[in-house]
């Protein structure tokens, strides 16, 4: 038997109160992280870290370009195993580049 309207509304109110408590703790954590991010961005240590990340991103982009050019070169005699290996490496470098870019943008997203 389905719940009555009163039971349903009561249950939904309990559920919303529980969710609101969970969200309140999450919002507090985000506010604390934002304060830390504001202090972090613009510091000499952060600038050095950004420089480190940017160098790794540039390297990953260069590797991605080289592997893409290798795969698109019709003059090279590729067997299926080599093509699979190069595609795997390409996927690895693309993933690395994307992860580094995300790490670089984290303080700006808080």
N, C-alpha and C. Protein backbone atom coordinates (compact mmCIF):
# COMPACT_ATOMS: atom_id res chain seq x y z
N UNK A 1 0.84 -1.17 0.00
CA UNK A 1 0.00 0.00 0.00
C UNK A 1 0.90 1.25 0.00
N UNK A 2 0.65 2.18 -0.89
CA UNK A 2 1.48 3.39 -0.95
C UNK A 2 1.25 4.26 0.29
N UNK A 3 2.24 5.08 0.62
CA UNK A 3 2.09 5.94 1.79
C UNK A 3 1.05 7.03 1.53
N UNK A 4 0.50 7.52 2.59
CA UNK A 4 -0.46 8.62 2.47
C UNK A 4 0.30 9.89 2.13
N UNK A 5 -0.43 10.90 1.77
CA UNK A 5 0.19 12.17 1.43
C UNK A 5 0.96 12.74 2.63
N UNK A 6 0.39 12.62 3.81
CA UNK A 6 1.03 13.14 5.02
C UNK A 6 2.33 12.37 5.30
N UNK A 7 2.27 11.04 5.15
CA UNK A 7 3.48 10.23 5.37
C UNK A 7 4.55 10.58 4.34
N UNK A 8 4.13 10.75 3.10
CA UNK A 8 5.08 11.09 2.03
C UNK A 8 5.74 12.45 2.30
N UNK A 9 4.96 13.45 2.64
CA UNK A 9 5.49 14.79 2.90
C UNK A 9 6.42 14.75 4.10
N UNK A 10 6.06 14.00 5.13
CA UNK A 10 6.89 13.88 6.32
C UNK A 10 8.23 13.21 5.98
N UNK A 11 8.16 12.16 5.22
CA UNK A 11 9.38 11.43 4.82
C UNK A 11 10.28 12.32 3.95
N UNK A 12 9.70 13.07 3.05
CA UNK A 12 10.48 13.98 2.20
C UNK A 12 11.11 15.10 3.02
N UNK A 13 10.42 15.60 4.03
CA UNK A 13 10.97 16.63 4.90
C UNK A 13 12.17 16.09 5.67
N UNK A 14 12.07 14.85 6.16
CA UNK A 14 13.20 14.21 6.84
C UNK A 14 14.38 14.07 5.89
N UNK A 15 14.08 13.61 4.69
CA UNK A 15 15.13 13.42 3.68
C UNK A 15 15.82 14.75 3.36
N UNK A 16 15.04 15.79 3.17
CA UNK A 16 15.62 17.11 2.85
C UNK A 16 16.45 17.64 4.01
N UNK A 17 16.01 17.42 5.23
CA UNK A 17 16.78 17.87 6.39
C UNK A 17 18.11 17.14 6.46
N UNK A 18 18.11 15.85 6.19
CA UNK A 18 19.34 15.07 6.18
C UNK A 18 20.28 15.57 5.09
N UNK A 19 19.76 15.78 3.90
CA UNK A 19 20.58 16.26 2.78
C UNK A 19 21.14 17.66 3.07
N UNK A 20 20.32 18.51 3.68
CA UNK A 20 20.77 19.87 4.00
C UNK A 20 21.94 19.83 4.97
N UNK A 21 21.90 18.92 5.95
CA UNK A 21 23.01 18.79 6.90
C UNK A 21 24.28 18.33 6.17
N UNK A 22 24.12 17.40 5.23
CA UNK A 22 25.28 16.93 4.46
C UNK A 22 25.85 18.07 3.61
N UNK A 23 24.98 18.82 2.97
CA UNK A 23 25.42 19.93 2.13
C UNK A 23 26.08 21.03 2.95
N UNK A 24 25.60 21.26 4.17
CA UNK A 24 26.18 22.30 5.01
C UNK A 24 27.64 21.99 5.32
N UNK A 25 27.95 20.72 5.61
CA UNK A 25 29.34 20.37 5.89
C UNK A 25 30.18 20.49 4.62
N UNK A 26 29.62 20.15 3.48
CA UNK A 26 30.35 20.29 2.22
C UNK A 26 30.62 21.76 1.91
N UNK A 27 29.62 22.61 2.13
CA UNK A 27 29.82 24.03 1.87
C UNK A 27 30.88 24.62 2.78
N UNK A 28 30.94 24.17 4.02
CA UNK A 28 31.97 24.65 4.95
C UNK A 28 33.35 24.24 4.45
N UNK A 29 33.48 23.04 3.95
CA UNK A 29 34.77 22.58 3.43
C UNK A 29 35.19 23.39 2.20
N UNK A 30 34.24 23.69 1.33
CA UNK A 30 34.55 24.49 0.14
C UNK A 30 34.96 25.90 0.53
N UNK A 31 34.27 26.50 1.51
CA UNK A 31 34.65 27.84 1.97
C UNK A 31 36.05 27.84 2.56
N UNK A 32 36.39 26.83 3.34
CA UNK A 32 37.74 26.74 3.91
C UNK A 32 38.78 26.58 2.82
N UNK A 33 38.48 25.76 1.82
CA UNK A 33 39.42 25.57 0.72
C UNK A 33 39.59 26.87 -0.07
N UNK A 34 38.52 27.63 -0.23
CA UNK A 34 38.61 28.89 -0.96
C UNK A 34 39.53 29.86 -0.24
N UNK A 35 39.47 29.91 1.09
CA UNK A 35 40.36 30.78 1.86
C UNK A 35 41.81 30.36 1.64
N UNK A 36 42.06 29.07 1.69
CA UNK A 36 43.42 28.58 1.47
C UNK A 36 43.89 28.86 0.04
N UNK A 37 43.00 28.71 -0.93
CA UNK A 37 43.36 28.96 -2.32
C UNK A 37 43.70 30.43 -2.53
N UNK A 38 42.95 31.33 -1.89
CA UNK A 38 43.25 32.75 -2.02
C UNK A 38 44.64 33.08 -1.48
N UNK A 39 45.02 32.43 -0.38
CA UNK A 39 46.34 32.66 0.20
C UNK A 39 47.43 32.03 -0.67
N UNK A 40 47.10 30.94 -1.34
CA UNK A 40 48.08 30.20 -2.12
C UNK A 40 48.41 30.88 -3.44
N UNK A 41 47.39 31.27 -4.18
CA UNK A 41 47.59 31.83 -5.51
C UNK A 41 48.34 33.16 -5.38
N UNK A 42 49.37 33.31 -6.16
CA UNK A 42 50.14 34.55 -6.14
C UNK A 42 51.37 34.48 -5.25
N UNK A 43 51.52 33.42 -4.48
CA UNK A 43 52.71 33.29 -3.65
C UNK A 43 53.87 32.80 -4.51
N UNK A 44 55.12 33.05 -4.09
CA UNK A 44 56.27 32.57 -4.87
C UNK A 44 56.27 31.05 -5.02
N UNK A 45 55.83 30.35 -3.98
CA UNK A 45 55.79 28.89 -4.07
C UNK A 45 54.78 28.43 -5.11
N UNK A 46 53.62 29.11 -5.14
CA UNK A 46 52.60 28.75 -6.13
C UNK A 46 53.10 29.04 -7.54
N UNK A 47 53.78 30.16 -7.72
CA UNK A 47 54.31 30.50 -9.03
C UNK A 47 55.32 29.45 -9.49
N UNK A 48 56.16 28.97 -8.57
CA UNK A 48 57.13 27.92 -8.92
C UNK A 48 56.40 26.63 -9.29
N UNK A 49 55.36 26.31 -8.55
CA UNK A 49 54.57 25.11 -8.84
C UNK A 49 53.90 25.22 -10.20
N UNK A 50 53.34 26.39 -10.50
CA UNK A 50 52.71 26.61 -11.80
C UNK A 50 53.74 26.45 -12.93
N UNK A 51 54.93 26.97 -12.71
CA UNK A 51 55.99 26.85 -13.72
C UNK A 51 56.33 25.37 -13.93
N UNK A 52 56.42 24.62 -12.84
CA UNK A 52 56.69 23.18 -12.91
C UNK A 52 55.59 22.46 -13.69
N UNK A 53 54.34 22.76 -13.36
CA UNK A 53 53.22 22.13 -14.07
C UNK A 53 53.20 22.50 -15.55
N UNK A 54 53.45 23.77 -15.85
CA UNK A 54 53.41 24.21 -17.24
C UNK A 54 54.47 23.51 -18.07
N UNK A 55 55.65 23.31 -17.50
CA UNK A 55 56.71 22.58 -18.22
C UNK A 55 56.27 21.16 -18.52
N UNK A 56 55.60 20.51 -17.57
CA UNK A 56 55.12 19.14 -17.78
C UNK A 56 53.99 19.11 -18.80
N UNK A 57 53.13 20.12 -18.77
CA UNK A 57 52.04 20.21 -19.75
C UNK A 57 52.61 20.39 -21.15
N UNK A 58 53.59 21.27 -21.29
CA UNK A 58 54.21 21.49 -22.60
C UNK A 58 54.85 20.21 -23.12
N UNK A 59 55.51 19.46 -22.24
CA UNK A 59 56.12 18.20 -22.64
C UNK A 59 55.06 17.19 -23.10
N UNK A 60 53.96 17.10 -22.36
CA UNK A 60 52.88 16.18 -22.73
C UNK A 60 52.25 16.59 -24.05
N UNK A 61 52.09 17.89 -24.29
CA UNK A 61 51.52 18.34 -25.57
C UNK A 61 52.47 18.03 -26.73
N UNK A 62 53.77 18.18 -26.51
CA UNK A 62 54.75 17.86 -27.55
C UNK A 62 54.70 16.36 -27.87
N UNK A 63 54.67 15.52 -26.83
CA UNK A 63 54.59 14.07 -27.05
C UNK A 63 53.29 13.70 -27.78
N UNK A 64 52.21 14.36 -27.43
CA UNK A 64 50.92 14.10 -28.07
C UNK A 64 50.99 14.45 -29.56
N UNK A 65 51.57 15.61 -29.86
CA UNK A 65 51.71 16.01 -31.27
C UNK A 65 52.56 15.01 -32.05
N UNK A 66 53.69 14.59 -31.48
CA UNK A 66 54.57 13.66 -32.17
C UNK A 66 53.89 12.32 -32.44
N UNK A 67 53.19 11.81 -31.44
CA UNK A 67 52.52 10.53 -31.62
C UNK A 67 51.37 10.63 -32.62
N UNK A 68 50.66 11.75 -32.61
CA UNK A 68 49.59 11.95 -33.58
C UNK A 68 50.15 12.01 -35.00
N UNK A 69 51.29 12.69 -35.15
CA UNK A 69 51.93 12.76 -36.47
C UNK A 69 52.38 11.37 -36.91
N UNK A 70 52.92 10.58 -35.99
CA UNK A 70 53.34 9.22 -36.34
C UNK A 70 52.16 8.40 -36.83
N UNK A 71 51.05 8.50 -36.14
CA UNK A 71 49.88 7.71 -36.52
C UNK A 71 49.29 8.15 -37.86
N UNK A 72 49.44 9.43 -38.18
CA UNK A 72 48.84 9.92 -39.42
C UNK A 72 49.78 9.85 -40.61
N UNK A 73 51.00 9.40 -40.42
CA UNK A 73 51.97 9.31 -41.53
C UNK A 73 51.68 8.06 -42.37
N UNK A 74 51.19 8.23 -43.60
CA UNK A 74 50.84 7.05 -44.41
C UNK A 74 52.05 6.31 -44.97
N UNK A 75 53.22 6.92 -44.92
CA UNK A 75 54.41 6.28 -45.51
C UNK A 75 54.99 5.18 -44.62
N UNK A 76 54.64 5.20 -43.34
CA UNK A 76 55.22 4.23 -42.43
C UNK A 76 54.46 2.91 -42.50
N UNK A 77 55.21 1.80 -42.61
CA UNK A 77 54.55 0.49 -42.63
C UNK A 77 54.23 0.05 -41.20
N UNK A 78 52.99 0.14 -40.84
CA UNK A 78 52.58 -0.19 -39.47
C UNK A 78 51.95 -1.56 -39.44
N UNK A 79 52.36 -2.36 -38.46
CA UNK A 79 51.60 -3.57 -38.18
C UNK A 79 50.63 -3.25 -37.04
N UNK A 80 49.68 -4.11 -36.83
CA UNK A 80 48.62 -3.83 -35.86
C UNK A 80 49.18 -3.67 -34.44
N UNK A 81 50.19 -4.44 -34.08
CA UNK A 81 50.76 -4.35 -32.73
C UNK A 81 51.40 -2.99 -32.50
N UNK A 82 52.10 -2.47 -33.50
CA UNK A 82 52.75 -1.16 -33.37
C UNK A 82 51.71 -0.05 -33.29
N UNK A 83 50.68 -0.15 -34.10
CA UNK A 83 49.61 0.85 -34.07
C UNK A 83 48.95 0.86 -32.69
N UNK A 84 48.68 -0.31 -32.15
CA UNK A 84 48.08 -0.39 -30.81
C UNK A 84 48.99 0.20 -29.75
N UNK A 85 50.28 -0.05 -29.87
CA UNK A 85 51.24 0.47 -28.90
C UNK A 85 51.29 2.01 -28.96
N UNK A 86 51.34 2.56 -30.17
CA UNK A 86 51.40 4.01 -30.32
C UNK A 86 50.08 4.65 -29.84
N UNK A 87 48.96 4.03 -30.14
CA UNK A 87 47.67 4.55 -29.65
C UNK A 87 47.61 4.54 -28.12
N UNK A 88 48.16 3.49 -27.53
CA UNK A 88 48.20 3.42 -26.07
C UNK A 88 49.06 4.52 -25.48
N UNK A 89 50.21 4.76 -26.10
CA UNK A 89 51.08 5.85 -25.64
C UNK A 89 50.39 7.20 -25.82
N UNK A 90 49.71 7.37 -26.93
CA UNK A 90 48.99 8.62 -27.17
C UNK A 90 47.92 8.84 -26.10
N UNK A 91 47.20 7.80 -25.78
CA UNK A 91 46.17 7.90 -24.74
C UNK A 91 46.79 8.25 -23.40
N UNK A 92 47.92 7.66 -23.09
CA UNK A 92 48.62 7.94 -21.84
C UNK A 92 49.03 9.41 -21.76
N UNK A 93 49.62 9.94 -22.83
CA UNK A 93 50.08 11.33 -22.83
C UNK A 93 48.91 12.32 -22.80
N UNK A 94 47.83 11.99 -23.48
CA UNK A 94 46.65 12.86 -23.45
C UNK A 94 46.07 12.89 -22.03
N UNK A 95 45.99 11.75 -21.39
CA UNK A 95 45.51 11.68 -20.02
C UNK A 95 46.41 12.44 -19.06
N UNK A 96 47.70 12.31 -19.25
CA UNK A 96 48.65 13.04 -18.39
C UNK A 96 48.48 14.54 -18.57
N UNK A 97 48.39 14.98 -19.82
CA UNK A 97 48.22 16.41 -20.09
C UNK A 97 46.94 16.95 -19.45
N UNK A 98 45.86 16.21 -19.60
CA UNK A 98 44.58 16.66 -19.04
C UNK A 98 44.63 16.70 -17.51
N UNK A 99 45.27 15.71 -16.90
CA UNK A 99 45.38 15.70 -15.43
C UNK A 99 46.23 16.87 -14.94
N UNK A 100 47.30 17.17 -15.64
CA UNK A 100 48.14 18.30 -15.25
C UNK A 100 47.41 19.63 -15.40
N UNK A 101 46.64 19.76 -16.48
CA UNK A 101 45.85 20.99 -16.65
C UNK A 101 44.82 21.14 -15.56
N UNK A 102 44.20 20.03 -15.17
CA UNK A 102 43.22 20.10 -14.10
C UNK A 102 43.89 20.48 -12.78
N UNK A 103 45.07 19.93 -12.49
CA UNK A 103 45.80 20.30 -11.28
C UNK A 103 46.16 21.79 -11.30
N UNK A 104 46.47 22.28 -12.46
CA UNK A 104 46.84 23.69 -12.60
C UNK A 104 45.66 24.61 -12.32
N UNK A 105 44.45 24.16 -12.63
CA UNK A 105 43.27 25.01 -12.49
C UNK A 105 42.53 24.84 -11.16
N UNK A 106 42.92 23.89 -10.33
CA UNK A 106 42.18 23.61 -9.10
C UNK A 106 41.93 24.82 -8.21
N UNK A 107 42.93 25.64 -7.91
CA UNK A 107 42.64 26.79 -7.03
C UNK A 107 41.66 27.79 -7.63
N UNK A 108 41.61 27.86 -8.95
CA UNK A 108 40.70 28.79 -9.60
C UNK A 108 39.27 28.26 -9.61
N UNK A 109 39.10 26.96 -9.42
CA UNK A 109 37.78 26.36 -9.44
C UNK A 109 37.13 26.34 -8.07
N UNK A 110 37.90 26.61 -7.02
CA UNK A 110 37.35 26.57 -5.66
C UNK A 110 36.55 27.82 -5.39
